[in-house]
Amino acid sequence: MKTRLKRYLKKLIKVLRKPEMNILPGNMAFYFVLALIPLLTIIILVASYFSISIDLVADLVKDIFPNQVSDTIIALISGKGFDTNIGIFNIVAFAVATNGTYSIITASNTLYKVEENDMLKDRIKSVLILIIIVILLFFLLLVPILGGQILSLLESIEIFDGSLMFIYDLVKWPISFLIIYFNIKLIYAISPSKQIPSNETTYGAFFTTVIWVISTVVFSYYVTYFAKYDVLYGNLSTIIMLMIWMYVLCYVFVLGMAINATKYNNSD
């Protein structure tokens, strides 16, 4: 057992030393940060649909992004800047962000030693994976990170009562863990251009989920207690923390993928 584990760790370290393993996390983080702009636009549009004050929502957005970015997003749904050009920008930003998920597929094929693949199918699959990841990021931003602030906002305009906060505090992390786990497991299973049994992705998905939850707790704590009090750097420090959080998520995601691939190749 000890010898087998030692052999497995050696293979894992060998995989992690591959050039694509060092490049992929930063590549993914860049494209996913780019995808956050259309994502935040959707959040604001949903808020406006429920007649929530734009000023109240803007306070939440400003906790994460600099004033210039949040003002641009607010303008999109206030009638000041929502035009064809902005719509095209959001579509282009989403399309460019698919390069990040396409790189996941390429790296997965390398790790799982896939020699033949269909580029068109992989491109279509990259769009599907990006949609899954965007929904996952949407969930992380709205529930564990900003959920408490959003509920406080809704309570202030008397949409919900105070008892909902207790329920939220009770279930947010168990629900977050399950949603992250099953979505990560799905991405790991469909990324390679060959069929991978779902049980072969369990270890990597569990590892990734645990670290993602811990990283999200840290980022959520920072946004809640420190972001508003950084006088020296202001919102710049928050966007730096956002980028670090995103990079950590991507690096751990790649590490989980390597864990799965090493186990899979080791069982051949």
C-alpha atoms as a PDB file:
ATOM      1  CA  MET A   1       0.000   0.000   0.000  1.00  0.00           C
ATOM      2  CA  LYS A   2       2.801   2.388   0.959  1.00  0.00           C
ATOM      3  CA  THR A   3       4.769   1.546  -2.196  1.00  0.00           C
ATOM      4  CA  ARG A   4       1.672   2.008  -4.348  1.00  0.00           C
ATOM      5  CA  LEU A   5       0.957   5.414  -2.795  1.00  0.00           C
ATOM      6  CA  LYS A   6       4.569   6.468  -3.273  1.00  0.00           C
ATOM      7  CA  ARG A   7       4.444   5.449  -6.938  1.00  0.00           C
ATOM      8  CA  TYR A   8       1.174   7.352  -7.388  1.00  0.00           C
ATOM      9  CA  LEU A   9       2.622  10.536  -5.822  1.00  0.00           C
ATOM     10  CA  LYS A  10       5.677  10.334  -8.080  1.00  0.00           C
ATOM     11  CA  LYS A  11       3.439  10.132 -11.150  1.00  0.00           C
ATOM     12  CA  LEU A  12       1.314  13.023  -9.872  1.00  0.00           C
ATOM     13  CA  ILE A  13       4.379  15.225  -9.327  1.00  0.00           C
ATOM     14  CA  LYS A  14       5.594  14.324 -12.822  1.00  0.00           C
ATOM     15  CA  VAL A  15       2.230  15.411 -14.252  1.00  0.00           C
ATOM     16  CA  LEU A  16       2.260  18.681 -12.299  1.00  0.00           C
ATOM     17  CA  ARG A  17       5.691  19.523 -13.741  1.00  0.00           C
ATOM     18  CA  LYS A  18       4.337  19.542 -17.278  1.00  0.00           C
ATOM     19  CA  PRO A  19       4.407  23.039 -18.851  1.00  0.00           C
ATOM     20  CA  GLU A  20       0.643  23.115 -19.491  1.00  0.00           C
ATOM     21  CA  MET A  21      -0.018  22.538 -15.788  1.00  0.00           C
ATOM     22  CA  ASN A  22       1.868  25.763 -14.961  1.00  0.00           C
ATOM     23  CA  ILE A  23       0.270  27.796 -17.759  1.00  0.00           C
ATOM     24  CA  LEU A  24      -3.342  26.555 -17.573  1.00  0.00           C
ATOM     25  CA  PRO A  25      -4.415  28.048 -14.185  1.00  0.00           C
ATOM     26  CA  GLY A  26      -3.406  31.598 -15.171  1.00  0.00           C
ATOM     27  CA  ASN A  27      -4.941  31.130 -18.612  1.00  0.00           C
ATOM     28  CA  MET A  28      -8.240  29.983 -17.104  1.00  0.00           C
ATOM     29  CA  ALA A  29      -8.270  32.735 -14.468  1.00  0.00           C
ATOM     30  CA  PHE A  30      -7.866  35.455 -17.114  1.00  0.00           C
ATOM     31  CA  TYR A  31     -10.743  34.186 -19.249  1.00  0.00           C
ATOM     32  CA  PHE A  32     -13.049  33.599 -16.280  1.00  0.00           C
ATOM     33  CA  VAL A  33     -12.453  37.119 -14.932  1.00  0.00           C
ATOM     34  CA  LEU A  34     -13.375  38.302 -18.423  1.00  0.00           C
ATOM     35  CA  ALA A  35     -16.582  36.239 -18.217  1.00  0.00           C
ATOM     36  CA  LEU A  36     -17.514  37.950 -14.934  1.00  0.00           C
ATOM     37  CA  ILE A  37     -18.516  41.189 -16.700  1.00  0.00           C
ATOM     38  CA  PRO A  38     -21.428  39.587 -18.648  1.00  0.00           C
ATOM     39  CA  LEU A  39     -22.178  37.595 -15.481  1.00  0.00           C
ATOM     40  CA  LEU A  40     -22.531  40.730 -13.339  1.00  0.00           C
ATOM     41  CA  THR A  41     -24.651  42.346 -16.029  1.00  0.00           C
ATOM     42  CA  ILE A  42     -27.051  39.388 -15.747  1.00  0.00           C
ATOM     43  CA  ILE A  43     -27.129  39.777 -11.949  1.00  0.00           C
ATOM     44  CA  ILE A  44     -28.077  43.446 -12.259  1.00  0.00           C
ATOM     45  CA  LEU A  45     -30.743  42.674 -14.870  1.00  0.00           C
ATOM     46  CA  VAL A  46     -32.279  40.037 -12.577  1.00  0.00           C
ATOM     47  CA  ALA A  47     -32.260  42.528  -9.703  1.00  0.00           C
ATOM     48  CA  SER A  48     -34.003  45.151 -11.839  1.00  0.00           C
ATOM     49  CA  TYR A  49     -36.619  42.582 -12.885  1.00  0.00           C
ATOM     50  CA  PHE A  50     -37.582  42.174  -9.212  1.00  0.00           C
ATOM     51  CA  SER A  51     -37.749  45.970  -8.822  1.00  0.00           C
ATOM     52  CA  ILE A  52     -34.816  46.113  -6.430  1.00  0.00           C
ATOM     53  CA  SER A  53     -33.286  49.576  -6.179  1.00  0.00           C
ATOM     54  CA  ILE A  54     -30.305  50.056  -8.509  1.00  0.00           C
ATOM     55  CA  ASP A  55     -28.551  52.097  -5.811  1.00  0.00           C
ATOM     56  CA  LEU A  56     -28.807  49.241  -3.326  1.00  0.00           C
ATOM     57  CA  VAL A  57     -27.479  46.706  -5.842  1.00  0.00           C
ATOM     58  CA  ALA A  58     -24.688  49.102  -6.867  1.00  0.00           C
ATOM     59  CA  ASP A  59     -23.385  49.053  -3.290  1.00  0.00           C
ATOM     60  CA  LEU A  60     -22.928  45.286  -3.564  1.00  0.00           C
ATOM     61  CA  VAL A  61     -21.201  45.516  -6.946  1.00  0.00           C
ATOM     62  CA  LYS A  62     -18.868  48.259  -5.683  1.00  0.00           C
ATOM     63  CA  ASP A  63     -17.726  45.932  -2.905  1.00  0.00           C
ATOM     64  CA  ILE A  64     -16.144  43.734  -5.579  1.00  0.00           C
ATOM     65  CA  PHE A  65     -15.261  45.972  -8.545  1.00  0.00           C
ATOM     66  CA  PRO A  66     -13.853  49.476  -8.883  1.00  0.00           C
ATOM     67  CA  ASN A  67     -16.350  52.333  -9.260  1.00  0.00           C
ATOM     68  CA  GLN A  68     -15.728  52.701 -13.014  1.00  0.00           C
ATOM     69  CA  VAL A  69     -16.639  49.060 -13.682  1.00  0.00           C
ATOM     70  CA  SER A  70     -19.696  49.063 -11.429  1.00  0.00           C
ATOM     71  CA  ASP A  71     -20.906  52.357 -12.937  1.00  0.00           C
ATOM     72  CA  THR A  72     -20.657  50.831 -16.428  1.00  0.00           C
ATOM     73  CA  ILE A  73     -22.695  47.802 -15.362  1.00  0.00           C
ATOM     74  CA  ILE A  74     -25.325  49.962 -13.665  1.00  0.00           C
ATOM     75  CA  ALA A  75     -25.578  52.090 -16.822  1.00  0.00           C
ATOM     76  CA  LEU A  76     -26.460  48.991 -18.829  1.00  0.00           C
ATOM     77  CA  ILE A  77     -29.779  48.507 -17.074  1.00  0.00           C
ATOM     78  CA  SER A  78     -30.596  52.129 -16.259  1.00  0.00           C
ATOM     79  CA  GLY A  79     -31.162  53.058 -19.894  1.00  0.00           C
ATOM     80  CA  LYS A  80     -27.899  55.030 -20.193  1.00  0.00           C
ATOM     81  CA  GLY A  81     -25.731  52.520 -21.950  1.00  0.00           C
ATOM     82  CA  PHE A  82     -27.712  49.451 -22.975  1.00  0.00           C
ATOM     83  CA  ASP A  83     -27.338  49.453 -26.741  1.00  0.00           C
ATOM     84  CA  THR A  84     -26.233  47.193 -29.570  1.00  0.00           C
ATOM     85  CA  ASN A  85     -22.535  47.872 -28.951  1.00  0.00           C
ATOM     86  CA  ILE A  86     -22.788  46.822 -25.303  1.00  0.00           C
ATOM     87  CA  GLY A  87     -24.715  43.705 -26.292  1.00  0.00           C
ATOM     88  CA  ILE A  88     -22.051  42.799 -28.848  1.00  0.00           C
ATOM     89  CA  PHE A  89     -19.338  43.417 -26.240  1.00  0.00           C
ATOM     90  CA  ASN A  90     -20.951  40.980 -23.814  1.00  0.00           C
ATOM     91  CA  ILE A  91     -21.347  38.329 -26.526  1.00  0.00           C
ATOM     92  CA  VAL A  92     -17.724  38.767 -27.649  1.00  0.00           C
ATOM     93  CA  ALA A  93     -16.478  38.635 -24.037  1.00  0.00           C
ATOM     94  CA  PHE A  94     -18.354  35.362 -23.497  1.00  0.00           C
ATOM     95  CA  ALA A  95     -17.097  33.928 -26.795  1.00  0.00           C
ATOM     96  CA  VAL A  96     -13.476  34.834 -25.992  1.00  0.00           C
ATOM     97  CA  ALA A  97     -13.882  33.300 -22.529  1.00  0.00           C
ATOM     98  CA  THR A  98     -14.556  29.914 -24.181  1.00  0.00           C
ATOM     99  CA  ASN A  99     -10.816  29.807 -24.928  1.00  0.00           C
ATOM    100  CA  GLY A 100     -10.325  29.169 -21.220  1.00  0.00           C
ATOM    101  CA  THR A 101     -12.583  26.124 -21.216  1.00  0.00           C
ATOM    102  CA  TYR A 102     -11.153  24.917 -24.531  1.00  0.00           C
ATOM    103  CA  SER A 103      -7.733  24.895 -22.857  1.00  0.00           C
ATOM    104  CA  ILE A 104      -9.245  22.665 -20.145  1.00  0.00           C
ATOM    105  CA  ILE A 105     -10.303  20.184 -22.836  1.00  0.00           C
ATOM    106  CA  THR A 106      -6.867  20.325 -24.486  1.00  0.00           C
ATOM    107  CA  ALA A 107      -5.096  19.748 -21.148  1.00  0.00           C
ATOM    108  CA  SER A 108      -7.502  16.907 -20.287  1.00  0.00           C
ATOM    109  CA  ASN A 109      -6.748  15.192 -23.600  1.00  0.00           C
ATOM    110  CA  THR A 110      -3.035  15.462 -22.855  1.00  0.00           C
ATOM    111  CA  LEU A 111      -3.427  14.082 -19.328  1.00  0.00           C
ATOM    112  CA  TYR A 112      -5.691  11.219 -20.419  1.00  0.00           C
ATOM    113  CA  LYS A 113      -3.466  10.490 -23.444  1.00  0.00           C
ATOM    114  CA  VAL A 114      -6.183  11.104 -26.029  1.00  0.00           C
ATOM    115  CA  GLU A 115      -4.567  10.951 -29.456  1.00  0.00           C
ATOM    116  CA  GLU A 116      -7.588  11.692 -31.676  1.00  0.00           C
ATOM    117  CA  ASN A 117     -10.194  14.389 -31.116  1.00  0.00           C
ATOM    118  CA  ASP A 118     -12.820  16.336 -33.040  1.00  0.00           C
ATOM    119  CA  MET A 119     -11.986  20.039 -32.864  1.00  0.00           C
ATOM    120  CA  LEU A 120     -15.547  21.149 -33.693  1.00  0.00           C
ATOM    121  CA  LYS A 121     -17.049  18.940 -30.988  1.00  0.00           C
ATOM    122  CA  ASP A 122     -14.451  20.190 -28.512  1.00  0.00           C
ATOM    123  CA  ARG A 123     -15.311  23.819 -29.338  1.00  0.00           C
ATOM    124  CA  ILE A 124     -19.018  23.129 -28.805  1.00  0.00           C
ATOM    125  CA  LYS A 125     -18.170  21.330 -25.580  1.00  0.00           C
ATOM    126  CA  SER A 126     -16.083  24.317 -24.437  1.00  0.00           C
ATOM    127  CA  VAL A 127     -19.218  26.505 -24.642  1.00  0.00           C
ATOM    128  CA  LEU A 128     -21.152  23.983 -22.522  1.00  0.00           C
ATOM    129  CA  ILE A 129     -18.375  23.831 -19.916  1.00  0.00           C
ATOM    130  CA  LEU A 130     -18.179  27.636 -19.789  1.00  0.00           C
ATOM    131  CA  ILE A 131     -21.940  27.831 -19.178  1.00  0.00           C
ATOM    132  CA  ILE A 132     -21.561  25.350 -16.290  1.00  0.00           C
ATOM    133  CA  ILE A 133     -18.652  27.342 -14.838  1.00  0.00           C
ATOM    134  CA  VAL A 134     -20.462  30.681 -15.243  1.00  0.00           C
ATOM    135  CA  ILE A 135     -23.504  29.248 -13.424  1.00  0.00           C
ATOM    136  CA  LEU A 136     -21.159  27.960 -10.718  1.00  0.00           C
ATOM    137  CA  LEU A 137     -19.446  31.356 -10.351  1.00  0.00           C
ATOM    138  CA  PHE A 138     -22.889  32.998 -10.393  1.00  0.00           C
ATOM    139  CA  PHE A 139     -23.895  30.739  -7.502  1.00  0.00           C
ATOM    140  CA  LEU A 140     -20.668  31.381  -5.551  1.00  0.00           C
ATOM    141  CA  LEU A 141     -21.061  35.157  -5.869  1.00  0.00           C
ATOM    142  CA  LEU A 142     -24.774  35.209  -4.989  1.00  0.00           C
ATOM    143  CA  VAL A 143     -24.913  32.608  -2.205  1.00  0.00           C
ATOM    144  CA  PRO A 144     -21.796  32.050  -0.064  1.00  0.00           C
ATOM    145  CA  ILE A 145     -19.992  35.355  -0.837  1.00  0.00           C
ATOM    146  CA  LEU A 146     -22.713  38.014  -1.105  1.00  0.00           C
ATOM    147  CA  GLY A 147     -25.717  36.034   0.132  1.00  0.00           C
ATOM    148  CA  GLY A 148     -25.802  37.631   3.583  1.00  0.00           C
ATOM    149  CA  GLN A 149     -25.562  41.131   2.159  1.00  0.00           C
ATOM    150  CA  ILE A 150     -28.248  40.401  -0.440  1.00  0.00           C
ATOM    151  CA  LEU A 151     -30.614  39.079   2.247  1.00  0.00           C
ATOM    152  CA  SER A 152     -29.939  42.150   4.391  1.00  0.00           C
ATOM    153  CA  LEU A 153     -30.782  44.289   1.365  1.00  0.00           C
ATOM    154  CA  LEU A 154     -34.032  42.365   0.767  1.00  0.00           C
ATOM    155  CA  GLU A 155     -34.959  42.654   4.434  1.00  0.00           C
ATOM    156  CA  SER A 156     -34.372  46.418   4.333  1.00  0.00           C
ATOM    157  CA  ILE A 157     -37.011  46.760   1.597  1.00  0.00           C
ATOM    158  CA  GLU A 158     -39.274  44.288   3.431  1.00  0.00           C
ATOM    159  CA  ILE A 159     -39.272  41.519   0.819  1.00  0.00           C
ATOM    160  CA  PHE A 160     -38.247  38.874   3.404  1.00  0.00           C
ATOM    161  CA  ASP A 161     -38.261  38.767   7.178  1.00  0.00           C
ATOM    162  CA  GLY A 162     -35.320  38.175   9.506  1.00  0.00           C
ATOM    163  CA  SER A 163     -35.955  34.424   9.943  1.00  0.00           C
ATOM    164  CA  LEU A 164     -34.610  33.783   6.424  1.00  0.00           C
ATOM    165  CA  MET A 165     -31.119  34.841   7.524  1.00  0.00           C
ATOM    166  CA  PHE A 166     -31.047  32.056  10.137  1.00  0.00           C
ATOM    167  CA  ILE A 167     -32.020  29.442   7.520  1.00  0.00           C
ATOM    168  CA  TYR A 168     -29.428  30.859   5.103  1.00  0.00           C
ATOM    169  CA  ASP A 169     -26.628  30.622   7.686  1.00  0.00           C
ATOM    170  CA  LEU A 170     -27.659  27.045   8.436  1.00  0.00           C
ATOM    171  CA  VAL A 171     -27.753  25.632   4.893  1.00  0.00           C
ATOM    172  CA  LYS A 172     -25.451  27.802   2.744  1.00  0.00           C
ATOM    173  CA  TRP A 173     -22.260  25.750   3.154  1.00  0.00           C
ATOM    174  CA  PRO A 174     -23.779  22.228   2.892  1.00  0.00           C
ATOM    175  CA  ILE A 175     -25.704  23.306  -0.234  1.00  0.00           C
ATOM    176  CA  SER A 176     -22.644  25.108  -1.613  1.00  0.00           C
ATOM    177  CA  PHE A 177     -20.503  21.994  -1.103  1.00  0.00           C
ATOM    178  CA  LEU A 178     -22.956  19.724  -2.945  1.00  0.00           C
ATOM    179  CA  ILE A 179     -23.494  22.115  -5.857  1.00  0.00           C
ATOM    180  CA  ILE A 180     -19.757  22.713  -6.316  1.00  0.00           C
ATOM    181  CA  TYR A 181     -18.972  18.998  -6.037  1.00  0.00           C
ATOM    182  CA  PHE A 182     -21.477  17.761  -8.622  1.00  0.00           C
ATOM    183  CA  ASN A 183     -20.683  20.535 -11.109  1.00  0.00           C
ATOM    184  CA  ILE A 184     -16.915  19.992 -10.817  1.00  0.00           C
ATOM    185  CA  LYS A 185     -17.411  16.238 -11.146  1.00  0.00           C
ATOM    186  CA  LEU A 186     -19.479  16.793 -14.306  1.00  0.00           C
ATOM    187  CA  ILE A 187     -16.820  19.063 -15.851  1.00  0.00           C
ATOM    188  CA  TYR A 188     -14.060  16.556 -15.070  1.00  0.00           C
ATOM    189  CA  ALA A 189     -16.068  13.740 -16.660  1.00  0.00           C
ATOM    190  CA  ILE A 190     -16.945  15.527 -19.925  1.00  0.00           C
ATOM    191  CA  SER A 191     -13.703  17.480 -20.510  1.00  0.00           C
ATOM    192  CA  PRO A 192     -11.606  14.708 -22.140  1.00  0.00           C
ATOM    193  CA  SER A 193     -12.476  13.716 -25.703  1.00  0.00           C
ATOM    194  CA  LYS A 194     -13.190  10.180 -24.586  1.00  0.00           C
ATOM    195  CA  GLN A 195     -15.620   8.661 -22.124  1.00  0.00           C
ATOM    196  CA  ILE A 196     -14.423   8.788 -18.517  1.00  0.00           C
ATOM    197  CA  PRO A 197     -16.420   6.834 -15.889  1.00  0.00           C
ATOM    198  CA  SER A 198     -17.929   9.134 -13.264  1.00  0.00           C
ATOM    199  CA  ASN A 199     -16.335   7.184 -10.402  1.00  0.00           C
ATOM    200  CA  GLU A 200     -12.894   7.979 -11.857  1.00  0.00           C
ATOM    201  CA  THR A 201     -13.436  11.681 -11.113  1.00  0.00           C
ATOM    202  CA  THR A 202     -14.508  11.357  -7.461  1.00  0.00           C
ATOM    203  CA  TYR A 203     -11.148  11.976  -5.738  1.00  0.00           C
ATOM    204  CA  GLY A 204     -10.244  15.032  -7.770  1.00  0.00           C
ATOM    205  CA  ALA A 205     -13.768  16.491  -7.512  1.00  0.00           C
ATOM    206  CA  PHE A 206     -13.846  16.027  -3.737  1.00  0.00           C
ATOM    207  CA  PHE A 207     -10.385  17.553  -3.287  1.00  0.00           C
ATOM    208  CA  THR A 208     -11.277  20.520  -5.533  1.00  0.00           C
ATOM    209  CA  THR A 209     -14.591  21.107  -3.762  1.00  0.00           C
ATOM    210  CA  VAL A 210     -13.022  21.181  -0.290  1.00  0.00           C
ATOM    211  CA  ILE A 211     -10.351  23.714  -1.310  1.00  0.00           C
ATOM    212  CA  TRP A 212     -12.880  25.786  -3.306  1.00  0.00           C
ATOM    213  CA  VAL A 213     -15.130  26.031  -0.239  1.00  0.00           C
ATOM    214  CA  ILE A 214     -12.209  27.037   2.000  1.00  0.00           C
ATOM    215  CA  SER A 215     -11.013  29.638  -0.545  1.00  0.00           C
ATOM    216  CA  THR A 216     -14.541  31.018  -0.911  1.00  0.00           C
ATOM    217  CA  VAL A 217     -14.920  31.292   2.883  1.00  0.00           C
ATOM    218  CA  VAL A 218     -11.702  33.339   3.022  1.00  0.00           C
ATOM    219  CA  PHE A 219     -12.760  35.602   0.126  1.00  0.00           C
ATOM    220  CA  SER A 220     -16.268  36.018   1.569  1.00  0.00           C
ATOM    221  CA  TYR A 221     -14.782  36.962   4.954  1.00  0.00           C
ATOM    222  CA  TYR A 222     -12.550  39.545   3.273  1.00  0.00           C
ATOM    223  CA  VAL A 223     -15.427  41.096   1.290  1.00  0.00           C
ATOM    224  CA  THR A 224     -17.633  41.242   4.392  1.00  0.00           C
ATOM    225  CA  TYR A 225     -15.168  42.581   6.969  1.00  0.00           C
ATOM    226  CA  PHE A 226     -12.174  44.180   5.235  1.00  0.00           C
ATOM    227  CA  ALA A 227     -13.032  45.438   1.736  1.00  0.00           C
ATOM    228  CA  LYS A 228     -14.805  48.592   2.919  1.00  0.00           C
ATOM    229  CA  TYR A 229     -12.034  49.614   5.305  1.00  0.00           C
ATOM    230  CA  ASP A 230      -9.028  49.579   3.014  1.00  0.00           C
ATOM    231  CA  VAL A 231      -8.423  53.328   2.835  1.00  0.00           C
ATOM    232  CA  LEU A 232      -5.036  53.137   1.128  1.00  0.00           C
ATOM    233  CA  TYR A 233      -5.957  50.998  -1.900  1.00  0.00           C
ATOM    234  CA  GLY A 234      -9.766  51.147  -1.846  1.00  0.00           C
ATOM    235  CA  ASN A 235     -11.471  48.974  -4.458  1.00  0.00           C
ATOM    236  CA  LEU A 236      -8.129  48.106  -6.066  1.00  0.00           C
ATOM    237  CA  SER A 237      -7.325  45.775  -3.172  1.00  0.00           C
ATOM    238  CA  THR A 238     -10.690  44.041  -3.618  1.00  0.00           C
ATOM    239  CA  ILE A 239     -10.166  43.353  -7.310  1.00  0.00           C
ATOM    240  CA  ILE A 240      -6.666  42.029  -6.503  1.00  0.00           C
ATOM    241  CA  MET A 241      -8.231  39.690  -3.941  1.00  0.00           C
ATOM    242  CA  LEU A 242     -10.840  38.689  -6.535  1.00  0.00           C
ATOM    243  CA  MET A 243      -8.100  37.812  -9.037  1.00  0.00           C
ATOM    244  CA  ILE A 244      -6.143  35.863  -6.399  1.00  0.00           C
ATOM    245  CA  TRP A 245      -9.323  33.988  -5.432  1.00  0.00           C
ATOM    246  CA  MET A 246     -10.010  33.204  -9.084  1.00  0.00           C
ATOM    247  CA  TYR A 247      -6.423  32.010  -9.646  1.00  0.00           C
ATOM    248  CA  VAL A 248      -6.589  29.746  -6.580  1.00  0.00           C
ATOM    249  CA  LEU A 249      -9.866  28.241  -7.843  1.00  0.00           C
ATOM    250  CA  CYS A 250      -8.329  27.590 -11.258  1.00  0.00           C
ATOM    251  CA  TYR A 251      -5.065  26.174  -9.879  1.00  0.00           C
ATOM    252  CA  VAL A 252      -6.923  23.787  -7.566  1.00  0.00           C
ATOM    253  CA  PHE A 253      -9.227  22.821 -10.451  1.00  0.00           C
ATOM    254  CA  VAL A 254      -6.187  21.865 -12.564  1.00  0.00           C
ATOM    255  CA  LEU A 255      -4.664  19.985  -9.622  1.00  0.00           C
ATOM    256  CA  GLY A 256      -7.900  18.008  -9.172  1.00  0.00           C
ATOM    257  CA  MET A 257      -7.897  17.190 -12.884  1.00  0.00           C
ATOM    258  CA  ALA A 258      -4.306  15.928 -12.577  1.00  0.00           C
ATOM    259  CA  ILE A 259      -5.270  13.777  -9.565  1.00  0.00           C
ATOM    260  CA  ASN A 260      -8.065  12.131 -11.576  1.00  0.00           C
ATOM    261  CA  ALA A 261      -5.922  11.573 -14.674  1.00  0.00           C
ATOM    262  CA  THR A 262      -3.040  10.107 -12.659  1.00  0.00           C
ATOM    263  CA  LYS A 263      -5.395   7.691 -10.897  1.00  0.00           C
ATOM    264  CA  TYR A 264      -7.041   6.749 -14.204  1.00  0.00           C
ATOM    265  CA  ASN A 265      -3.715   6.113 -15.991  1.00  0.00           C
ATOM    266  CA  ASN A 266      -2.374   4.277 -12.958  1.00  0.00           C
ATOM    267  CA  SER A 267      -5.281   1.798 -13.127  1.00  0.00           C
ATOM    268  CA  ASP A 268      -4.684   0.974 -16.832  1.00  0.00           C
END
